[in-house]
C-alpha atoms as a PDB file:
ATOM      1  CA  UNK A   1      99.257 220.196  87.152  1.00  0.00           C
ATOM      2  CA  UNK A   2      96.085 221.190  88.945  1.00  0.00           C
ATOM      3  CA  UNK A   3      95.594 220.989  92.718  1.00  0.00           C
ATOM      4  CA  UNK A   4      93.405 217.868  92.533  1.00  0.00           C
ATOM      5  CA  UNK A   5      95.993 215.948  90.505  1.00  0.00           C
ATOM      6  CA  UNK A   6      98.772 217.056  92.821  1.00  0.00           C
ATOM      7  CA  UNK A   7      96.814 215.942  95.902  1.00  0.00           C
ATOM      8  CA  UNK A   8      96.014 212.627  94.234  1.00  0.00           C
ATOM      9  CA  UNK A   9      99.693 212.113  93.403  1.00  0.00           C
ATOM     10  CA  UNK A  10     100.693 212.911  96.982  1.00  0.00           C
ATOM     11  CA  UNK A  11      98.130 210.456  98.371  1.00  0.00           C
ATOM     12  CA  UNK A  12      99.299 207.786  95.934  1.00  0.00           C
ATOM     13  CA  UNK A  13     102.910 208.344  97.000  1.00  0.00           C
ATOM     14  CA  UNK A  14     101.900 208.077 100.679  1.00  0.00           C
ATOM     15  CA  UNK A  15     100.024 204.872  99.985  1.00  0.00           C
ATOM     16  CA  UNK A  16     102.956 203.334  98.111  1.00  0.00           C
ATOM     17  CA  UNK A  17     105.352 204.304 100.929  1.00  0.00           C
ATOM     18  CA  UNK A  18     102.956 202.796 103.473  1.00  0.00           C
ATOM     19  CA  UNK A  19     102.695 199.581 101.465  1.00  0.00           C
ATOM     20  CA  UNK A  20     106.495 199.387 101.245  1.00  0.00           C
ATOM     21  CA  UNK A  21     106.686 199.765 105.033  1.00  0.00           C
ATOM     22  CA  UNK A  22     104.132 196.954 105.379  1.00  0.00           C
ATOM     23  CA  UNK A  23     106.200 194.730 103.099  1.00  0.00           C
ATOM     24  CA  UNK A  24     109.414 195.463 104.994  1.00  0.00           C
ATOM     25  CA  UNK A  25     107.743 194.830 108.358  1.00  0.00           C
ATOM     26  CA  UNK A  26     106.408 191.462 107.236  1.00  0.00           C
ATOM     27  CA  UNK A  27     109.713 190.442 105.685  1.00  0.00           C
ATOM     28  CA  UNK A  28     111.475 191.182 108.984  1.00  0.00           C
ATOM     29  CA  UNK A  29     108.828 189.874 111.397  1.00  0.00           C
ATOM     30  CA  UNK A  30     106.677 187.463 109.418  1.00  0.00           C
ATOM     31  CA  UNK A  31     102.948 187.819 108.908  1.00  0.00           C
ATOM     32  CA  UNK A  32     100.578 186.935 111.729  1.00  0.00           C
ATOM     33  CA  UNK A  33      96.960 186.556 110.675  1.00  0.00           C
ATOM     34  CA  UNK A  34      95.879 186.658 114.312  1.00  0.00           C
ATOM     35  CA  UNK A  35      97.600 190.011 114.863  1.00  0.00           C
ATOM     36  CA  UNK A  36      96.283 191.289 111.517  1.00  0.00           C
ATOM     37  CA  UNK A  37      92.666 190.507 112.425  1.00  0.00           C
ATOM     38  CA  UNK A  38      92.926 191.746 116.009  1.00  0.00           C
ATOM     39  CA  UNK A  39      96.113 193.759 116.496  1.00  0.00           C
ATOM     40  CA  UNK A  40      97.207 194.567 120.054  1.00  0.00           C
ATOM     41  CA  UNK A  41      97.075 198.246 121.014  1.00  0.00           C
ATOM     42  CA  UNK A  42      99.961 200.157 119.487  1.00  0.00           C
ATOM     43  CA  UNK A  43     100.917 197.306 117.153  1.00  0.00           C
ATOM     44  CA  UNK A  44     102.273 198.039 113.679  1.00  0.00           C
ATOM     45  CA  UNK A  45      99.178 196.532 112.009  1.00  0.00           C
ATOM     46  CA  UNK A  46      96.857 198.805 113.982  1.00  0.00           C
ATOM     47  CA  UNK A  47      98.690 201.920 112.792  1.00  0.00           C
ATOM     48  CA  UNK A  48      99.002 200.591 109.256  1.00  0.00           C
ATOM     49  CA  UNK A  49      95.279 199.899 108.938  1.00  0.00           C
ATOM     50  CA  UNK A  50      94.385 203.306 110.371  1.00  0.00           C
ATOM     51  CA  UNK A  51      96.703 205.184 108.013  1.00  0.00           C
ATOM     52  CA  UNK A  52      95.603 203.133 105.009  1.00  0.00           C
ATOM     53  CA  UNK A  53      91.922 203.784 105.819  1.00  0.00           C
ATOM     54  CA  UNK A  54      92.587 207.524 106.097  1.00  0.00           C
ATOM     55  CA  UNK A  55      94.340 207.594 102.723  1.00  0.00           C
ATOM     56  CA  UNK A  56      91.653 205.467 101.071  1.00  0.00           C
ATOM     57  CA  UNK A  57      88.887 207.690 102.471  1.00  0.00           C
ATOM     58  CA  UNK A  58      90.549 210.730 100.933  1.00  0.00           C
ATOM     59  CA  UNK A  59      91.178 209.026  97.591  1.00  0.00           C
ATOM     60  CA  UNK A  60      87.670 207.551  97.317  1.00  0.00           C
ATOM     61  CA  UNK A  61      85.270 209.115  99.824  1.00  0.00           C
ATOM     62  CA  UNK A  62      82.284 207.016 100.894  1.00  0.00           C
ATOM     63  CA  UNK A  63      79.202 207.415  98.730  1.00  0.00           C
ATOM     64  CA  UNK A  64      76.504 209.710 100.004  1.00  0.00           C
ATOM     65  CA  UNK A  65      73.057 208.417  99.120  1.00  0.00           C
ATOM     66  CA  UNK A  66      70.189 210.808  98.658  1.00  0.00           C
ATOM     67  CA  UNK A  67      66.798 209.906 100.007  1.00  0.00           C
END
């Protein structure tokens, strides 16, 4: 397995683990749309969104347009 595939697999595993944590949190605490849209500082949703964005940015970096 090449380095790119291994990194992709690791990022996928992180993302799946993060999604499982999200599912478990919501099963235990219920889902709050208000807290999802505007999470209080240090809230689970704030950390979840940040981590998910970091993983997504690595898996599919933003497009760079040439002028």
